[in-house]
């Protein structure tokens, strides 16, 4: 029985190191489910695995796109499923690891197809948003997709822009694409979540930010400052430094904000994952316990298949 083992959890908890060890135990390859590690230009701020980790186990979907490429969870689902099909021909086990909830859900549960958005349309909407503010988005969305307007966070311009883009691009209300029907997969899925004491996690996050800065995060961000409006760069670690380069606050303040926003991001990640009752939770130090659980799940499913 082919299996996809998912190792997920918040930023900074130690998913990469643990995933490499588990993949080595299973003698399998790793697919990254990180929505920013896919960009080849971004290395430090996205916490790309260390060279020795990449050499220890073959990784997929790391540095395979450019920050100038249009990409989304729907495209990720399509490409990852194609990769899984190929890999499963050689090995019954594949490990998917990351912290991007939407990307993981796209592979595990499936998401509804979303069309590629014309850049001219996107830029036009962004320009109107800048000129007329968030109320413009609300009025337009209420007019062309009242069903989505009723459920969307009206304080979140990014989500409203997505609704407007899809509706205007296709002529079909965005709400019609959001069917939320879980798709079946031709492989067994075992989901493992990593959690730990909140204060200990926050300390790990702050230590990692300090290491990123020491490794050259500021210089890396400065290289892409002229492209700061790209969606691929609208992420913690870069947007705070862009604001610093704009003169909004000091470097020390920017680093402080990166740490704070990373903590907030970790909290949101955990809230997203905790909604899924199929995830079994462990601490990142419980490697042997996790391996034992994976082995038992594989054996249980194999027994069921043989019995049937």
C-alpha atoms as a PDB file:
ATOM      1  CA  UNK A   1       0.000   0.000   0.000  1.00  0.00           C
ATOM      2  CA  UNK A   2       1.510   3.339  -1.057  1.00  0.00           C
ATOM      3  CA  UNK A   3       1.716   5.899   1.754  1.00  0.00           C
ATOM      4  CA  UNK A   4       2.235   9.630   2.081  1.00  0.00           C
ATOM      5  CA  UNK A   5       3.561  10.508   5.525  1.00  0.00           C
ATOM      6  CA  UNK A   6       2.922  14.155   6.398  1.00  0.00           C
ATOM      7  CA  UNK A   7       5.054  15.931   9.010  1.00  0.00           C
ATOM      8  CA  UNK A   8       3.552  19.338   9.760  1.00  0.00           C
ATOM      9  CA  UNK A   9       3.770  22.017  12.405  1.00  0.00           C
ATOM     10  CA  UNK A  10       4.500  25.671  13.106  1.00  0.00           C
ATOM     11  CA  UNK A  11       7.539  27.589  11.956  1.00  0.00           C
ATOM     12  CA  UNK A  12      10.735  26.991  13.892  1.00  0.00           C
ATOM     13  CA  UNK A  13       9.664  23.769  15.634  1.00  0.00           C
ATOM     14  CA  UNK A  14      12.219  21.524  13.949  1.00  0.00           C
ATOM     15  CA  UNK A  15      10.289  19.865  11.119  1.00  0.00           C
ATOM     16  CA  UNK A  16      13.242  19.765   8.715  1.00  0.00           C
ATOM     17  CA  UNK A  17      15.751  17.924  10.906  1.00  0.00           C
ATOM     18  CA  UNK A  18      13.169  15.417  12.120  1.00  0.00           C
ATOM     19  CA  UNK A  19      11.832  14.816   8.601  1.00  0.00           C
ATOM     20  CA  UNK A  20      15.324  14.060   7.302  1.00  0.00           C
ATOM     21  CA  UNK A  21      15.848  11.469  10.052  1.00  0.00           C
ATOM     22  CA  UNK A  22      12.469   9.822   9.439  1.00  0.00           C
ATOM     23  CA  UNK A  23      12.999   9.821   5.662  1.00  0.00           C
ATOM     24  CA  UNK A  24      16.364   8.143   6.170  1.00  0.00           C
ATOM     25  CA  UNK A  25      14.705   5.508   8.353  1.00  0.00           C
ATOM     26  CA  UNK A  26      12.060   4.844   5.690  1.00  0.00           C
ATOM     27  CA  UNK A  27      14.593   5.210   2.870  1.00  0.00           C
ATOM     28  CA  UNK A  28      12.296   7.637   1.067  1.00  0.00           C
ATOM     29  CA  UNK A  29      12.365  11.136  -0.455  1.00  0.00           C
ATOM     30  CA  UNK A  30      10.911  14.401   0.859  1.00  0.00           C
ATOM     31  CA  UNK A  31       8.435  16.796  -0.743  1.00  0.00           C
ATOM     32  CA  UNK A  32       8.508  20.268   0.779  1.00  0.00           C
ATOM     33  CA  UNK A  33       5.164  21.921   1.526  1.00  0.00           C
ATOM     34  CA  UNK A  34       6.506  25.383   2.212  1.00  0.00           C
ATOM     35  CA  UNK A  35       4.969  28.167   0.112  1.00  0.00           C
ATOM     36  CA  UNK A  36       8.172  30.236   0.209  1.00  0.00           C
ATOM     37  CA  UNK A  37      10.966  27.672   0.031  1.00  0.00           C
ATOM     38  CA  UNK A  38       9.890  27.011  -3.562  1.00  0.00           C
ATOM     39  CA  UNK A  39      11.501  30.327  -4.602  1.00  0.00           C
ATOM     40  CA  UNK A  40      15.110  29.842  -5.664  1.00  0.00           C
ATOM     41  CA  UNK A  41      16.099  33.444  -4.926  1.00  0.00           C
ATOM     42  CA  UNK A  42      15.070  33.222  -1.256  1.00  0.00           C
ATOM     43  CA  UNK A  43      17.319  31.082   0.909  1.00  0.00           C
ATOM     44  CA  UNK A  44      17.981  32.670   4.279  1.00  0.00           C
ATOM     45  CA  UNK A  45      14.605  34.188   5.113  1.00  0.00           C
ATOM     46  CA  UNK A  46      12.720  31.020   4.134  1.00  0.00           C
ATOM     47  CA  UNK A  47      14.919  28.722   6.258  1.00  0.00           C
ATOM     48  CA  UNK A  48      15.813  26.432   3.360  1.00  0.00           C
ATOM     49  CA  UNK A  49      17.285  23.128   4.649  1.00  0.00           C
ATOM     50  CA  UNK A  50      21.028  23.132   5.179  1.00  0.00           C
ATOM     51  CA  UNK A  51      23.221  21.698   2.382  1.00  0.00           C
ATOM     52  CA  UNK A  52      23.997  18.587   4.445  1.00  0.00           C
ATOM     53  CA  UNK A  53      20.252  17.964   4.926  1.00  0.00           C
ATOM     54  CA  UNK A  54      19.585  18.347   1.220  1.00  0.00           C
ATOM     55  CA  UNK A  55      22.416  15.919   0.503  1.00  0.00           C
ATOM     56  CA  UNK A  56      21.251  13.386   3.103  1.00  0.00           C
ATOM     57  CA  UNK A  57      17.789  13.004   1.544  1.00  0.00           C
ATOM     58  CA  UNK A  58      16.544  14.049  -1.873  1.00  0.00           C
ATOM     59  CA  UNK A  59      14.097  16.969  -1.589  1.00  0.00           C
ATOM     60  CA  UNK A  60      11.473  18.147  -4.078  1.00  0.00           C
ATOM     61  CA  UNK A  61       9.832  21.578  -4.435  1.00  0.00           C
ATOM     62  CA  UNK A  62      12.685  23.575  -2.963  1.00  0.00           C
ATOM     63  CA  UNK A  63      14.059  26.350  -5.164  1.00  0.00           C
ATOM     64  CA  UNK A  64      12.080  25.146  -8.174  1.00  0.00           C
ATOM     65  CA  UNK A  65      10.317  28.455  -8.914  1.00  0.00           C
ATOM     66  CA  UNK A  66      11.254  32.112  -9.250  1.00  0.00           C
ATOM     67  CA  UNK A  67       9.798  34.969  -7.224  1.00  0.00           C
ATOM     68  CA  UNK A  68       8.598  36.322 -10.583  1.00  0.00           C
ATOM     69  CA  UNK A  69       6.523  33.195 -11.304  1.00  0.00           C
ATOM     70  CA  UNK A  70       2.790  33.111 -10.660  1.00  0.00           C
ATOM     71  CA  UNK A  71       2.067  30.250  -8.274  1.00  0.00           C
ATOM     72  CA  UNK A  72      -0.691  29.100  -5.938  1.00  0.00           C
ATOM     73  CA  UNK A  73      -1.917  26.118  -3.917  1.00  0.00           C
ATOM     74  CA  UNK A  74      -3.945  24.772  -6.831  1.00  0.00           C
ATOM     75  CA  UNK A  75      -0.841  24.546  -9.036  1.00  0.00           C
ATOM     76  CA  UNK A  76       1.058  23.019  -6.109  1.00  0.00           C
ATOM     77  CA  UNK A  77      -1.595  20.312  -5.739  1.00  0.00           C
ATOM     78  CA  UNK A  78      -1.369  19.435  -9.427  1.00  0.00           C
ATOM     79  CA  UNK A  79       2.431  19.307  -9.546  1.00  0.00           C
ATOM     80  CA  UNK A  80       2.853  17.426  -6.272  1.00  0.00           C
ATOM     81  CA  UNK A  81       0.329  14.747  -7.230  1.00  0.00           C
ATOM     82  CA  UNK A  82       2.246  14.199 -10.471  1.00  0.00           C
ATOM     83  CA  UNK A  83       5.485  13.885  -8.489  1.00  0.00           C
ATOM     84  CA  UNK A  84       3.901  11.481  -5.988  1.00  0.00           C
ATOM     85  CA  UNK A  85       2.683   9.251  -8.817  1.00  0.00           C
ATOM     86  CA  UNK A  86       6.197   9.034 -10.251  1.00  0.00           C
ATOM     87  CA  UNK A  87       7.903   8.464  -6.877  1.00  0.00           C
ATOM     88  CA  UNK A  88       5.428   5.787  -5.796  1.00  0.00           C
ATOM     89  CA  UNK A  89       6.472   3.676  -8.782  1.00  0.00           C
ATOM     90  CA  UNK A  90       9.849   3.207  -7.080  1.00  0.00           C
ATOM     91  CA  UNK A  91       9.009   3.527  -3.380  1.00  0.00           C
ATOM     92  CA  UNK A  92       5.771   2.963  -1.416  1.00  0.00           C
ATOM     93  CA  UNK A  93       6.709   5.739   1.020  1.00  0.00           C
ATOM     94  CA  UNK A  94       7.007   9.494   0.488  1.00  0.00           C
ATOM     95  CA  UNK A  95       7.362  12.148   3.162  1.00  0.00           C
ATOM     96  CA  UNK A  96       5.617  15.531   2.797  1.00  0.00           C
ATOM     97  CA  UNK A  97       6.759  18.159   5.275  1.00  0.00           C
ATOM     98  CA  UNK A  98       6.057  21.845   5.862  1.00  0.00           C
ATOM     99  CA  UNK A  99       4.033  24.458   7.643  1.00  0.00           C
ATOM    100  CA  UNK A 100       1.927  25.981   4.859  1.00  0.00           C
ATOM    101  CA  UNK A 101      -1.541  24.798   5.810  1.00  0.00           C
ATOM    102  CA  UNK A 102      -3.192  25.570   2.488  1.00  0.00           C
ATOM    103  CA  UNK A 103      -0.459  23.774   0.530  1.00  0.00           C
ATOM    104  CA  UNK A 104      -0.693  20.697   2.758  1.00  0.00           C
ATOM    105  CA  UNK A 105      -4.489  20.675   2.544  1.00  0.00           C
ATOM    106  CA  UNK A 106      -4.233  20.959  -1.240  1.00  0.00           C
ATOM    107  CA  UNK A 107      -2.358  17.657  -1.366  1.00  0.00           C
ATOM    108  CA  UNK A 108      -4.174  15.838   1.444  1.00  0.00           C
ATOM    109  CA  UNK A 109      -7.744  16.988   0.839  1.00  0.00           C
ATOM    110  CA  UNK A 110      -7.648  18.693  -2.539  1.00  0.00           C
ATOM    111  CA  UNK A 111      -8.753  22.208  -3.360  1.00  0.00           C
ATOM    112  CA  UNK A 112     -11.059  23.452  -6.031  1.00  0.00           C
ATOM    113  CA  UNK A 113      -9.423  24.458  -9.297  1.00  0.00           C
ATOM    114  CA  UNK A 114      -8.695  28.161  -9.588  1.00  0.00           C
ATOM    115  CA  UNK A 115      -7.810  29.766 -12.923  1.00  0.00           C
ATOM    116  CA  UNK A 116      -4.579  31.599 -13.639  1.00  0.00           C
ATOM    117  CA  UNK A 117      -5.248  35.307 -13.195  1.00  0.00           C
ATOM    118  CA  UNK A 118      -4.298  37.764 -15.921  1.00  0.00           C
ATOM    119  CA  UNK A 119      -1.625  40.097 -14.526  1.00  0.00           C
ATOM    120  CA  UNK A 120      -3.217  43.142 -16.137  1.00  0.00           C
ATOM    121  CA  UNK A 121      -6.451  42.425 -14.265  1.00  0.00           C
ATOM    122  CA  UNK A 122      -4.586  41.867 -11.014  1.00  0.00           C
ATOM    123  CA  UNK A 123      -2.583  45.071 -11.335  1.00  0.00           C
ATOM    124  CA  UNK A 124      -5.711  47.034 -12.226  1.00  0.00           C
ATOM    125  CA  UNK A 125      -7.489  45.828  -9.080  1.00  0.00           C
ATOM    126  CA  UNK A 126      -4.457  46.572  -6.941  1.00  0.00           C
ATOM    127  CA  UNK A 127      -4.257  50.091  -8.378  1.00  0.00           C
ATOM    128  CA  UNK A 128      -7.924  50.733  -7.649  1.00  0.00           C
ATOM    129  CA  UNK A 129      -7.462  49.366  -4.126  1.00  0.00           C
ATOM    130  CA  UNK A 130      -4.550  51.770  -3.550  1.00  0.00           C
ATOM    131  CA  UNK A 131      -6.561  54.696  -4.907  1.00  0.00           C
ATOM    132  CA  UNK A 132      -9.964  54.024  -3.304  1.00  0.00           C
ATOM    133  CA  UNK A 133      -9.167  51.866  -0.278  1.00  0.00           C
ATOM    134  CA  UNK A 134     -10.726  48.757   1.170  1.00  0.00           C
ATOM    135  CA  UNK A 135     -14.287  50.046   0.850  1.00  0.00           C
ATOM    136  CA  UNK A 136     -13.934  49.795  -2.931  1.00  0.00           C
ATOM    137  CA  UNK A 137     -13.185  46.079  -2.626  1.00  0.00           C
ATOM    138  CA  UNK A 138     -16.154  45.550  -0.335  1.00  0.00           C
ATOM    139  CA  UNK A 139     -18.579  47.341  -2.656  1.00  0.00           C
ATOM    140  CA  UNK A 140     -17.390  45.477  -5.742  1.00  0.00           C
ATOM    141  CA  UNK A 141     -17.417  42.094  -4.041  1.00  0.00           C
ATOM    142  CA  UNK A 142     -20.908  42.624  -2.639  1.00  0.00           C
ATOM    143  CA  UNK A 143     -22.073  43.513  -6.129  1.00  0.00           C
ATOM    144  CA  UNK A 144     -20.582  40.628  -8.125  1.00  0.00           C
ATOM    145  CA  UNK A 145     -20.399  37.819  -5.529  1.00  0.00           C
ATOM    146  CA  UNK A 146     -22.767  38.480  -2.587  1.00  0.00           C
ATOM    147  CA  UNK A 147     -22.404  34.894  -1.309  1.00  0.00           C
ATOM    148  CA  UNK A 148     -18.647  35.224  -0.840  1.00  0.00           C
ATOM    149  CA  UNK A 149     -19.145  38.741   0.565  1.00  0.00           C
ATOM    150  CA  UNK A 150     -21.218  37.212   3.385  1.00  0.00           C
ATOM    151  CA  UNK A 151     -18.443  34.911   4.583  1.00  0.00           C
ATOM    152  CA  UNK A 152     -15.174  36.667   3.709  1.00  0.00           C
ATOM    153  CA  UNK A 153     -13.153  38.589   6.294  1.00  0.00           C
ATOM    154  CA  UNK A 154     -14.053  42.147   5.254  1.00  0.00           C
ATOM    155  CA  UNK A 155     -10.877  43.422   6.905  1.00  0.00           C
ATOM    156  CA  UNK A 156      -8.662  41.224   4.735  1.00  0.00           C
ATOM    157  CA  UNK A 157      -8.011  42.884   1.347  1.00  0.00           C
ATOM    158  CA  UNK A 158      -5.975  39.923   0.071  1.00  0.00           C
ATOM    159  CA  UNK A 159      -8.931  37.545   0.341  1.00  0.00           C
ATOM    160  CA  UNK A 160     -11.337  40.030  -1.179  1.00  0.00           C
ATOM    161  CA  UNK A 161      -8.944  40.670  -4.055  1.00  0.00           C
ATOM    162  CA  UNK A 162      -8.803  36.925  -4.701  1.00  0.00           C
ATOM    163  CA  UNK A 163     -12.603  36.791  -4.894  1.00  0.00           C
ATOM    164  CA  UNK A 164     -12.730  39.727  -7.298  1.00  0.00           C
ATOM    165  CA  UNK A 165      -9.916  38.379  -9.494  1.00  0.00           C
ATOM    166  CA  UNK A 166     -11.488  34.964  -9.989  1.00  0.00           C
ATOM    167  CA  UNK A 167     -14.997  36.327 -10.528  1.00  0.00           C
ATOM    168  CA  UNK A 168     -13.911  38.944 -13.054  1.00  0.00           C
ATOM    169  CA  UNK A 169     -11.515  36.558 -14.831  1.00  0.00           C
ATOM    170  CA  UNK A 170     -14.065  33.773 -15.323  1.00  0.00           C
ATOM    171  CA  UNK A 171     -17.453  35.441 -15.093  1.00  0.00           C
ATOM    172  CA  UNK A 172     -18.297  32.838 -12.432  1.00  0.00           C
ATOM    173  CA  UNK A 173     -18.641  33.932  -8.771  1.00  0.00           C
ATOM    174  CA  UNK A 174     -15.668  32.897  -6.658  1.00  0.00           C
ATOM    175  CA  UNK A 175     -18.085  31.307  -4.186  1.00  0.00           C
ATOM    176  CA  UNK A 176     -18.963  28.710  -6.837  1.00  0.00           C
ATOM    177  CA  UNK A 177     -15.342  27.528  -6.930  1.00  0.00           C
ATOM    178  CA  UNK A 178     -15.291  27.003  -3.151  1.00  0.00           C
ATOM    179  CA  UNK A 179     -17.105  23.679  -3.050  1.00  0.00           C
ATOM    180  CA  UNK A 180     -14.947  22.342  -0.194  1.00  0.00           C
ATOM    181  CA  UNK A 181     -15.378  18.731  -1.301  1.00  0.00           C
ATOM    182  CA  UNK A 182     -12.613  16.461  -0.042  1.00  0.00           C
ATOM    183  CA  UNK A 183     -10.993  14.523  -2.866  1.00  0.00           C
ATOM    184  CA  UNK A 184      -9.968  10.882  -2.586  1.00  0.00           C
ATOM    185  CA  UNK A 185      -6.332   9.933  -3.084  1.00  0.00           C
ATOM    186  CA  UNK A 186      -4.952   6.640  -4.421  1.00  0.00           C
ATOM    187  CA  UNK A 187      -2.588   6.326  -1.460  1.00  0.00           C
ATOM    188  CA  UNK A 188      -2.719   6.108   2.325  1.00  0.00           C
ATOM    189  CA  UNK A 189      -2.163   9.384   4.204  1.00  0.00           C
ATOM    190  CA  UNK A 190      -0.651   9.477   7.699  1.00  0.00           C
ATOM    191  CA  UNK A 191      -0.578  12.957   9.236  1.00  0.00           C
ATOM    192  CA  UNK A 192       1.748  13.788  12.120  1.00  0.00           C
ATOM    193  CA  UNK A 193       1.702  17.172  13.821  1.00  0.00           C
ATOM    194  CA  UNK A 194       4.526  18.653  15.888  1.00  0.00           C
ATOM    195  CA  UNK A 195       3.836  20.788  18.934  1.00  0.00           C
ATOM    196  CA  UNK A 196       5.660  21.879  22.059  1.00  0.00           C
ATOM    197  CA  UNK A 197       5.428  24.260  24.980  1.00  0.00           C
ATOM    198  CA  UNK A 198       4.482  27.668  23.572  1.00  0.00           C
ATOM    199  CA  UNK A 199       7.226  29.590  25.377  1.00  0.00           C
ATOM    200  CA  UNK A 200       9.872  27.091  24.256  1.00  0.00           C
ATOM    201  CA  UNK A 201       8.635  27.399  20.677  1.00  0.00           C
ATOM    202  CA  UNK A 202       8.801  31.184  20.821  1.00  0.00           C
ATOM    203  CA  UNK A 203      12.365  31.000  22.115  1.00  0.00           C
ATOM    204  CA  UNK A 204      13.316  28.732  19.212  1.00  0.00           C
ATOM    205  CA  UNK A 205      11.740  31.190  16.776  1.00  0.00           C
ATOM    206  CA  UNK A 206      13.646  34.152  18.207  1.00  0.00           C
ATOM    207  CA  UNK A 207      16.918  32.217  18.154  1.00  0.00           C
ATOM    208  CA  UNK A 208      16.318  31.275  14.526  1.00  0.00           C
ATOM    209  CA  UNK A 209      15.620  34.883  13.534  1.00  0.00           C
ATOM    210  CA  UNK A 210      18.905  35.936  15.159  1.00  0.00           C
ATOM    211  CA  UNK A 211      20.702  33.247  13.158  1.00  0.00           C
ATOM    212  CA  UNK A 212      19.041  34.406   9.931  1.00  0.00           C
ATOM    213  CA  UNK A 213      20.231  37.958  10.564  1.00  0.00           C
ATOM    214  CA  UNK A 214      23.746  36.703  11.321  1.00  0.00           C
ATOM    215  CA  UNK A 215      23.667  34.628   8.115  1.00  0.00           C
ATOM    216  CA  UNK A 216      22.833  37.685   5.978  1.00  0.00           C
ATOM    217  CA  UNK A 217      19.056  38.100   5.942  1.00  0.00           C
ATOM    218  CA  UNK A 218      19.292  41.895   5.720  1.00  0.00           C
ATOM    219  CA  UNK A 219      21.556  41.705   2.688  1.00  0.00           C
ATOM    220  CA  UNK A 220      19.337  39.093   1.048  1.00  0.00           C
ATOM    221  CA  UNK A 221      16.255  41.280   1.507  1.00  0.00           C
ATOM    222  CA  UNK A 222      18.073  44.317   0.136  1.00  0.00           C
ATOM    223  CA  UNK A 223      18.768  42.441  -3.113  1.00  0.00           C
ATOM    224  CA  UNK A 224      15.038  42.196  -3.787  1.00  0.00           C
ATOM    225  CA  UNK A 225      13.914  45.537  -2.379  1.00  0.00           C
ATOM    226  CA  UNK A 226      13.015  46.888  -5.830  1.00  0.00           C
ATOM    227  CA  UNK A 227      10.602  43.958  -6.238  1.00  0.00           C
ATOM    228  CA  UNK A 228       9.004  44.371  -2.810  1.00  0.00           C
ATOM    229  CA  UNK A 229       5.471  44.524  -4.248  1.00  0.00           C
ATOM    230  CA  UNK A 230       5.642  40.953  -5.545  1.00  0.00           C
ATOM    231  CA  UNK A 231       3.279  38.583  -3.732  1.00  0.00           C
ATOM    232  CA  UNK A 232       6.145  36.126  -3.306  1.00  0.00           C
ATOM    233  CA  UNK A 233       7.940  38.694  -1.130  1.00  0.00           C
ATOM    234  CA  UNK A 234       4.910  39.589   0.970  1.00  0.00           C
ATOM    235  CA  UNK A 235       6.075  37.409   3.827  1.00  0.00           C
ATOM    236  CA  UNK A 236       7.501  37.650   7.334  1.00  0.00           C
ATOM    237  CA  UNK A 237      11.204  38.438   7.353  1.00  0.00           C
ATOM    238  CA  UNK A 238      11.198  40.427   4.132  1.00  0.00           C
ATOM    239  CA  UNK A 239       8.298  42.858   4.438  1.00  0.00           C
ATOM    240  CA  UNK A 240       9.574  44.157   7.803  1.00  0.00           C
ATOM    241  CA  UNK A 241      13.006  44.815   6.319  1.00  0.00           C
ATOM    242  CA  UNK A 242      11.480  46.495   3.264  1.00  0.00           C
ATOM    243  CA  UNK A 243       9.701  48.885   5.625  1.00  0.00           C
ATOM    244  CA  UNK A 244      13.042  49.507   7.369  1.00  0.00           C
ATOM    245  CA  UNK A 245      14.652  50.301   4.006  1.00  0.00           C
ATOM    246  CA  UNK A 246      11.773  52.735   3.400  1.00  0.00           C
ATOM    247  CA  UNK A 247      12.803  54.540   6.573  1.00  0.00           C
ATOM    248  CA  UNK A 248       9.722  53.594   8.602  1.00  0.00           C
ATOM    249  CA  UNK A 249      11.760  52.288  11.545  1.00  0.00           C
ATOM    250  CA  UNK A 250      15.233  51.173  12.629  1.00  0.00           C
ATOM    251  CA  UNK A 251      16.878  47.843  11.862  1.00  0.00           C
ATOM    252  CA  UNK A 252      16.540  46.855  15.516  1.00  0.00           C
ATOM    253  CA  UNK A 253      12.810  47.509  15.332  1.00  0.00           C
ATOM    254  CA  UNK A 254      12.534  45.515  12.093  1.00  0.00           C
ATOM    255  CA  UNK A 255      14.209  42.501  13.725  1.00  0.00           C
ATOM    256  CA  UNK A 256      11.916  42.836  16.733  1.00  0.00           C
ATOM    257  CA  UNK A 257       8.900  42.863  14.397  1.00  0.00           C
ATOM    258  CA  UNK A 258      10.161  39.813  12.494  1.00  0.00           C
ATOM    259  CA  UNK A 259      10.296  37.915  15.771  1.00  0.00           C
ATOM    260  CA  UNK A 260       6.862  39.112  16.837  1.00  0.00           C
ATOM    261  CA  UNK A 261       5.245  38.395  13.479  1.00  0.00           C
ATOM    262  CA  UNK A 262       6.900  34.967  13.333  1.00  0.00           C
ATOM    263  CA  UNK A 263       5.378  34.143  16.724  1.00  0.00           C
ATOM    264  CA  UNK A 264       1.977  35.298  15.492  1.00  0.00           C
ATOM    265  CA  UNK A 265       2.390  33.216  12.335  1.00  0.00           C
ATOM    266  CA  UNK A 266       3.213  30.118  14.387  1.00  0.00           C
ATOM    267  CA  UNK A 267       0.060  30.656  16.430  1.00  0.00           C
ATOM    268  CA  UNK A 268      -2.062  30.922  13.279  1.00  0.00           C
ATOM    269  CA  UNK A 269      -0.457  27.781  11.858  1.00  0.00           C
ATOM    270  CA  UNK A 270      -1.345  25.787  14.955  1.00  0.00           C
ATOM    271  CA  UNK A 271      -4.920  27.088  14.878  1.00  0.00           C
ATOM    272  CA  UNK A 272      -5.216  25.969  11.239  1.00  0.00           C
ATOM    273  CA  UNK A 273      -3.817  22.490  11.874  1.00  0.00           C
ATOM    274  CA  UNK A 274      -5.772  21.872  15.080  1.00  0.00           C
ATOM    275  CA  UNK A 275      -9.011  21.918  13.072  1.00  0.00           C
ATOM    276  CA  UNK A 276      -8.029  18.618  11.463  1.00  0.00           C
ATOM    277  CA  UNK A 277      -8.859  15.709  13.768  1.00  0.00           C
ATOM    278  CA  UNK A 278      -6.987  13.222  11.571  1.00  0.00           C
ATOM    279  CA  UNK A 279      -3.635  14.654  12.712  1.00  0.00           C
ATOM    280  CA  UNK A 280      -1.822  12.775  15.499  1.00  0.00           C
ATOM    281  CA  UNK A 281       0.357  15.055  17.621  1.00  0.00           C
ATOM    282  CA  UNK A 282       3.862  14.535  19.019  1.00  0.00           C
ATOM    283  CA  UNK A 283       6.721  16.636  20.334  1.00  0.00           C
ATOM    284  CA  UNK A 284       9.641  17.055  17.901  1.00  0.00           C
ATOM    285  CA  UNK A 285      11.961  15.199  20.320  1.00  0.00           C
ATOM    286  CA  UNK A 286       9.837  12.033  20.137  1.00  0.00           C
ATOM    287  CA  UNK A 287      11.494  10.607  17.018  1.00  0.00           C
ATOM    288  CA  UNK A 288      11.369   6.947  18.090  1.00  0.00           C
ATOM    289  CA  UNK A 289       7.754   7.269  19.176  1.00  0.00           C
ATOM    290  CA  UNK A 290       6.831   8.867  15.833  1.00  0.00           C
ATOM    291  CA  UNK A 291       8.625   6.139  13.853  1.00  0.00           C
ATOM    292  CA  UNK A 292       6.854   3.471  15.900  1.00  0.00           C
ATOM    293  CA  UNK A 293       3.506   5.143  15.204  1.00  0.00           C
ATOM    294  CA  UNK A 294       4.195   5.380  11.453  1.00  0.00           C
ATOM    295  CA  UNK A 295       5.261   1.720  11.351  1.00  0.00           C
ATOM    296  CA  UNK A 296       2.133   0.622  13.210  1.00  0.00           C
ATOM    297  CA  UNK A 297      -0.118   2.633  10.879  1.00  0.00           C
ATOM    298  CA  UNK A 298       1.534   1.160   7.798  1.00  0.00           C
ATOM    299  CA  UNK A 299       1.267  -2.369   9.198  1.00  0.00           C
ATOM    300  CA  UNK A 300      -2.377  -1.846  10.166  1.00  0.00           C
ATOM    301  CA  UNK A 301      -3.342  -0.661   6.694  1.00  0.00           C
ATOM    302  CA  UNK A 302      -1.361  -3.471   5.047  1.00  0.00           C
ATOM    303  CA  UNK A 303      -3.188  -6.011   7.185  1.00  0.00           C
ATOM    304  CA  UNK A 304      -6.543  -4.470   6.267  1.00  0.00           C
ATOM    305  CA  UNK A 305      -5.668  -4.576   2.564  1.00  0.00           C
ATOM    306  CA  UNK A 306      -4.525  -8.217   2.735  1.00  0.00           C
ATOM    307  CA  UNK A 307      -7.638  -9.210   4.643  1.00  0.00           C
ATOM    308  CA  UNK A 308      -9.892  -7.560   2.055  1.00  0.00           C
END
